[in-house]
Structures are given as structure tokens and as C-alpha cells.
Amino acid sequence: MDATTATMITFGTVALLLSWVVLLIESWKDDYAWGLCTLLLPPLSYLYALARLDKAGQALLLAAAGWILIWLA
């Protein structure tokens, strides 16, 4: 694995982690149950983000950027 690939995978993973943290914060602000679902079942939390694009749209964009970086690597 060369340095460019490793860097892109690292930044993609960090972007995915940050998107989950942003989503965790937004879901706790909105509802206690969604906050617990986000904490315990992270993939399910992106369904919440799709339902609440007004509040969690930035987290989805950050997650999409992370997946694109990983895919391009």
C-alpha cells in the first residue's frame, strides 16, 4: 500500500467517525431514544439522518465524503 492510499483511507475513516459523532450529538438533542439507537446501533442512525435531513444533513455529507475517499483509495 502506498502513501496516497493509506492517507485517503485514513482521512475517509476519520470523516466517517466524525460524521457519526455529529449524528450522535444531533440525535441526542432531538430525542433520547434516537440518541440511544445512534450510540448502540450506528448503521441504524443513518436512517434517522435520512428522515431528519434538516438537522442531520451535514453528518450525511461528511459520511458520503468519507465513503468516497475510501472507495477512491
Protein backbone atom coordinates (compact mmCIF):
# COMPACT_ATOMS: atom_id res chain seq x y z
CA MET A 1 0.00 0.00 0.00
CA ASP A 2 1.46 3.34 -0.98
CA ALA A 3 1.29 6.56 0.99
CA THR A 4 -1.55 8.10 -1.02
CA THR A 5 -3.82 5.12 -0.49
CA ALA A 6 -3.07 4.99 3.22
CA THR A 7 -3.74 8.72 3.57
CA MET A 8 -7.05 8.53 1.72
CA ILE A 9 -8.21 5.56 3.80
CA THR A 10 -7.18 7.33 7.00
CA PHE A 11 -8.99 10.57 6.10
CA GLY A 12 -12.03 8.61 4.95
CA THR A 13 -12.19 6.70 8.21
CA VAL A 14 -11.78 9.89 10.23
CA ALA A 15 -14.58 11.53 8.22
CA LEU A 16 -16.86 8.56 8.91
CA LEU A 17 -16.06 8.71 12.61
CA LEU A 18 -16.67 12.46 12.74
CA SER A 19 -19.97 12.07 10.90
CA TRP A 20 -21.09 9.52 13.48
CA VAL A 21 -20.12 11.87 16.34
CA VAL A 22 -22.04 14.77 14.73
CA LEU A 23 -25.00 12.47 14.22
CA LEU A 24 -24.77 11.30 17.82
CA ILE A 25 -24.90 14.87 19.09
CA GLU A 26 -27.83 15.82 16.86
CA SER A 27 -29.84 12.73 17.71
CA TRP A 28 -29.36 13.22 21.46
CA LYS A 29 -30.58 16.81 21.09
CA ASP A 30 -33.67 15.67 19.23
CA ASP A 31 -34.79 12.58 21.14
CA TYR A 32 -33.45 10.32 23.87
CA ALA A 33 -34.48 7.12 22.05
CA TRP A 34 -32.72 8.13 18.82
CA GLY A 35 -29.66 9.05 20.84
CA LEU A 36 -29.53 5.55 22.30
CA CYS A 37 -30.09 3.98 18.87
CA THR A 38 -27.27 6.07 17.45
CA LEU A 39 -24.97 5.08 20.28
CA LEU A 40 -25.74 1.36 20.22
CA LEU A 41 -26.55 0.79 16.52
CA PRO A 42 -24.53 3.24 14.40
CA PRO A 43 -25.74 1.98 10.98
CA LEU A 44 -29.34 2.49 12.07
CA SER A 45 -28.58 6.09 12.96
CA TYR A 46 -28.12 6.96 9.30
CA LEU A 47 -31.81 6.14 8.79
CA TYR A 48 -32.50 8.84 11.35
CA ALA A 49 -30.31 11.19 9.35
CA LEU A 50 -32.26 10.46 6.18
CA ALA A 51 -35.52 11.16 7.99
CA ARG A 52 -34.21 14.39 9.53
CA LEU A 53 -32.18 15.98 6.75
CA ASP A 54 -32.80 19.46 8.18
CA LYS A 55 -30.88 18.61 11.36
CA ALA A 56 -28.52 15.83 10.28
CA GLY A 57 -27.77 16.66 6.66
CA GLN A 58 -24.21 17.74 7.43
CA ALA A 59 -23.47 14.36 9.01
CA LEU A 60 -24.67 12.60 5.87
CA LEU A 61 -22.50 14.78 3.65
CA LEU A 62 -19.48 14.08 5.84
CA ALA A 63 -20.20 10.34 5.74
CA ALA A 64 -20.57 10.43 1.96
CA ALA A 65 -17.22 12.23 1.66
CA GLY A 66 -15.62 9.59 3.87
CA TRP A 67 -17.00 6.71 1.79
CA ILE A 68 -15.87 8.40 -1.42
CA LEU A 69 -12.32 8.77 -0.06
CA ILE A 70 -12.25 5.12 0.98
CA TRP A 71 -13.67 3.98 -2.34
CA LEU A 72 -11.16 6.02 -4.35
CA ALA A 73 -8.26 4.57 -2.38
